Amino acid sequence: MTISNKQFYSPGQRKAIEKLRPILQLATSSVRPDLSLSTRTNTLVAGPSGSGKSFLAKALAAEAGLPIWETNVSTWIVLGARNGNPTLVSLFEWINRMPKGVIFLDELEKPFPYNAGGSSSGSSDWFNSVRMEIHDLLDARMPDAAIQVDEAAMADSYDGMLSTRDCKDLLKFSVEMKLRNSFLIIGAGTWQHLWTTNQNTIGYNSDLKPTTMLDQGQIMRSISPEILLRFRNEVLFLPPMTESDFHQVLRDRLGQIPVNYRKRFAELVHRAIPRAMEFGLGMRIIEETFTNLCVEILRNCAGDENLFRDIFSSCRNDKIF
């Protein structure tokens, strides 16, 4: 018996993934290069920490059976850096190997100035270099320095008929065409200042009111134009999960919990919801709660994995409500 790994989405994630499915299909379609006009599929996702932006990208790729390459700006290594493999070099090599896929760029607000909806002063050489490299990537351009391959082996692949420069140009052209026609780039950022929560404090008690919902105009005006111009006009946003969202996920999830443990799982989730809302833990709290339940069941089974599997074999993904 195999315990199901079916993905469960928050209401916000479900809406976003429904919009992204046809975009991904178009971005990776074999027909795309033959269309009469250029298409714009790069998609931007905004949401606070814990809203599930990276989970969304990985779930979308897994659902489509596509490989995903992901990075975040905090760990970006620029071309010319003395240590480590530059990010664009790694990406170039990956695209060259893959026929199509998903590219996920997180923390896109970090290298942009505060006054442009970013989180930095934007004045350092590193920030400037990261911005330029991100712009190149979003424009489907690969700098020459990103092509770091064995020149002799590359020349041999063309039977010595082409110069090293010509070989590099052909390889660069091939990768850039694939980037334009066979890959979906999903960018993400918190733009944390957009997600304001009103909090009234009385003594040691905090009264958290629901987060103000943002309209498209607020998001568009707050994000750097340098970023917006390189993505589709529609910015998808994942709002913080509300109490009703957690209850909806719980109802969806109960069908995969052994019947005799459903009441216990519901108790654990209800107990965790206030903490999840206070710290913006989002769907992580569901995974954490399920982990705690599994630990309890294993303990009751005295560590017997076969008995543990038998208990979960009764799950049929029932619809509870």
Foldseek 3Di string as FASTA:
>chain_A
DDQDPDDFAFPLLVVVLVVLQVLQCQQAPPCQVVDPDADFRAAEEEAAPQLQPVVSQVVSQVVVVFDEAEDELVPADFQPDPDDDHPLLVVLVVLLPGQAHEYEYEAVQDLDDVQQLHDDNNPDPSSVRSLVCVLCLLVLARDLSSDDDDLVVLCVVVVVPDHSVVSSVVSRVVSSVSSRRRYHYYYYHHSVVVFDWDWDDDPPDIDTDATDDDDLVVVVRNHHPSVCVSHDSDHRYRYQDDPVSLVVSLLQCLLQAQPVCSVVLVVQSVVCVVVCRVVSNYCVSNVVSVVVSLVVVCVVVVNPVVVSVVRRVNRPSDRDD
